[in-house]
Protein backbone atom coordinates (compact mmCIF):
# COMPACT_ATOMS: atom_id res chain seq x y z
CA MET A 1 143.41 81.96 101.84
CA SER A 2 145.37 84.53 99.84
CA SER A 3 144.03 88.05 99.45
CA LYS A 4 143.88 87.56 95.67
CA ILE A 5 141.67 84.50 96.08
CA ASP A 6 139.56 86.49 98.55
CA ARG A 7 139.11 89.20 95.91
CA ILE A 8 138.06 86.64 93.33
CA PHE A 9 135.46 85.14 95.66
CA ARG A 10 134.20 88.63 96.62
CA SER A 11 133.94 89.52 92.95
CA ILE A 12 132.05 86.31 92.20
CA GLU A 13 129.55 87.11 94.92
CA GLU A 14 129.15 90.74 93.79
CA ASN A 15 128.88 89.99 90.07
CA ALA A 16 127.26 86.56 89.91
CA GLY A 17 125.19 86.43 93.08
CA ASN A 18 125.22 84.41 96.27
CA ASP A 19 123.99 81.13 94.71
CA ILE A 20 126.87 80.93 92.23
CA TYR A 21 129.31 82.13 94.92
CA GLU A 22 128.17 79.36 97.28
CA THR A 23 128.35 76.75 94.50
CA ILE A 24 131.86 77.68 93.43
CA LYS A 25 133.14 78.16 96.98
CA GLY A 26 131.60 74.83 97.95
CA ASN A 27 133.08 73.00 94.97
CA CYS A 28 136.49 74.67 95.11
CA GLY A 29 137.01 75.75 98.70
CA GLU A 30 140.44 77.28 98.87
CA MET A 31 141.69 75.37 95.85
CA ASP A 32 143.92 76.75 93.15
CA ILE A 33 142.92 79.44 90.69
CA LYS A 34 142.83 77.02 87.75
CA ARG A 35 140.06 75.04 89.44
CA ILE A 36 138.18 78.21 90.40
CA MET A 37 138.30 79.43 86.78
CA SER A 38 137.14 76.06 85.51
CA GLU A 39 134.21 76.14 87.92
CA LEU A 40 133.37 79.73 86.90
CA GLU A 41 133.31 78.75 83.24
CA ARG A 42 131.10 75.77 84.03
CA THR A 43 128.66 77.85 86.09
CA CYS A 44 128.59 81.26 84.35
CA GLU A 45 128.37 82.78 80.88
CA GLU A 46 131.61 84.15 79.42
CA GLU A 47 130.42 87.75 79.77
CA GLN A 48 129.75 87.20 83.47
CA VAL A 49 133.18 85.61 84.03
CA ALA A 50 134.74 88.62 82.25
CA ARG A 51 132.90 91.02 84.59
CA ILE A 52 134.02 89.04 87.63
CA MET A 53 137.65 89.07 86.56
CA GLN A 54 137.57 92.75 85.56
CA SER A 55 136.24 93.56 89.01
CA CYS A 56 139.16 91.63 90.52
CA GLY A 57 141.62 93.61 88.41
CA ARG A 58 140.13 96.92 89.46
CA GLN A 59 140.62 95.90 93.09
CA CYS A 60 144.13 94.55 92.53
CA ILE A 61 145.97 97.67 91.39
CA PRO A 62 147.85 99.25 94.32
CA LYS A 63 146.65 102.70 95.36
CA SER A 64 150.28 103.84 95.29
CA TYR A 65 150.38 103.08 91.53
CA LEU A 66 147.24 105.14 90.99
CA SER A 67 148.60 108.08 92.99
CA ARG A 68 151.94 107.95 91.21
CA ALA A 69 150.33 107.66 87.76
CA ILE A 70 148.12 110.68 88.44
CA VAL A 71 151.16 112.76 89.42
CA ILE A 72 153.03 111.59 86.32
CA TYR A 73 150.05 112.51 84.13
CA LYS A 74 149.85 116.02 85.61
CA GLU A 75 153.59 116.51 85.02
CA SER A 76 153.50 115.22 81.43
CA ALA A 77 153.53 117.42 78.34
CA ASP A 78 151.10 115.19 76.42
CA ILE A 79 149.78 111.63 76.24
CA GLU A 80 152.93 110.27 74.57
CA ASP A 81 155.13 111.83 77.25
CA PHE A 82 152.81 110.37 79.91
CA LEU A 83 153.04 106.86 78.46
CA SER A 84 156.82 107.16 78.15
CA ARG A 85 157.08 108.17 81.81
CA LEU A 86 154.78 105.32 82.87
CA ASN A 87 156.96 102.91 80.87
CA THR A 88 160.03 104.18 82.74
CA THR A 89 158.36 103.40 86.07
CA ARG A 90 157.02 100.05 84.70
CA ILE A 91 153.50 100.97 85.79
CA GLY A 92 151.32 99.18 83.25
CA GLY A 93 153.96 96.69 82.18
CA GLY A 94 156.50 99.04 80.64
CA GLN A 95 155.22 98.66 77.07
CA LEU A 96 152.48 101.27 76.70
CA ARG A 97 152.10 103.12 73.40
CA LEU A 98 149.57 104.93 71.23
CA ARG A 99 147.99 103.31 68.18
CA ASP A 100 145.05 104.83 66.30
CA GLU A 101 144.31 107.22 69.17
CA LYS A 102 144.08 104.37 71.68
CA ILE A 103 146.54 103.25 74.33
CA ILE A 104 147.97 99.80 73.76
CA GLY A 105 149.24 97.90 76.78
CA ILE A 106 151.46 94.87 76.25
CA TYR A 107 152.74 92.28 78.69
CA ASP A 108 155.37 89.80 77.55
CA ARG A 109 154.54 87.57 80.52
CA CYS A 110 151.98 87.31 83.29
CA TYR A 111 152.88 89.54 86.22
CA CYS A 112 150.21 88.15 88.55
CA GLY A 113 151.87 86.24 91.37
CA LEU A 114 148.78 84.07 91.70
CA VAL A 115 148.99 82.61 88.21
CA ASN A 116 152.32 83.36 86.54
CA LYS A 117 153.47 79.76 86.89
CA VAL A 118 150.09 78.09 86.19
CA LYS A 119 149.99 76.11 82.94
CA GLY A 120 146.78 75.82 80.94
CA LEU A 121 144.95 78.68 82.66
CA SER A 122 141.74 79.90 81.06
CA PRO A 123 142.17 82.99 78.84
CA LEU A 124 139.17 84.47 80.66
CA TYR A 125 141.46 85.05 83.65
CA CYS A 126 143.15 87.77 81.60
CA TYR A 127 140.09 89.99 81.96
CA CYS A 128 141.65 90.72 85.33
CA SER A 129 144.35 92.70 83.50
CA ALA A 130 141.66 94.51 81.53
CA GLY A 131 140.12 95.61 84.84
CA TRP A 132 143.56 96.61 86.13
CA TYR A 133 144.13 98.85 83.10
CA GLU A 134 140.59 100.18 83.38
CA GLN A 135 141.16 101.25 86.98
CA LEU A 136 144.55 102.78 86.17
CA PHE A 137 143.43 104.92 83.25
CA SER A 138 139.96 105.84 84.52
CA SER A 139 141.65 107.10 87.71
CA VAL A 140 144.28 109.06 85.78
CA PHE A 141 141.84 110.61 83.30
CA ASN A 142 139.07 110.94 85.91
CA LYS A 143 136.50 109.42 83.55
CA PRO A 144 135.45 105.95 82.40
CA VAL A 145 137.65 104.18 79.86
CA GLU A 146 136.96 101.02 77.87
CA VAL A 147 139.50 98.21 77.74
CA GLU A 148 139.44 95.43 75.17
CA LYS A 149 141.43 92.23 75.49
CA ILE A 150 143.12 91.79 72.08
CA ALA A 151 145.53 88.87 72.57
CA THR A 152 146.72 86.76 75.49
CA ILE A 153 149.38 84.18 76.16
CA PRO A 154 146.75 81.64 77.34
CA ASP A 155 145.06 82.13 73.94
CA GLY A 156 148.32 81.13 72.25
CA ALA A 157 149.84 84.56 71.54
CA ASP A 158 153.44 85.35 72.46
CA HIS A 159 152.26 88.36 74.53
CA CYS A 160 149.17 89.85 76.11
CA GLU A 161 147.74 92.95 74.46
CA PHE A 162 145.01 95.31 75.62
CA GLU A 163 143.49 98.29 73.86
CA ILE A 164 142.42 101.21 76.04
CA ASN A 165 139.92 103.67 74.58
CA TYR A 166 140.40 106.75 76.73
CA GLN A 167 138.74 109.43 74.60
């Protein structure tokens, strides 16, 4: 089983409880992510699926990215300089910008190796990216941030967009 699938199952158990974990694991085994997401949606409320996937995203970001982003932040003149430097390194997708005092993160495609070729994936999977951004920016700013999923490719948009409230 891949480590990403392991993280998803761990997150299900931590956020939805052992009964739901056992049900989904029993029904899906080591099946593909599309089937796991379908089973999650059948078994859990949308808010719970979002929490599960955000937890996965927080676990997924490499520690080296966090360390590098913190150094970049400390070396930056201001938030715009910081985002520009992150874009240069491609940490966060390479399309970070400020809008209305919030950070906007845009992906023009899915970067997750687990799902980037999966057709018809649930848009709820994209809460994983929200968790990824949450972990990145809460680590950099050393305080909680809120991330909102604005648009996703599985929802029919031509890009994925997340709004990060860091203030």
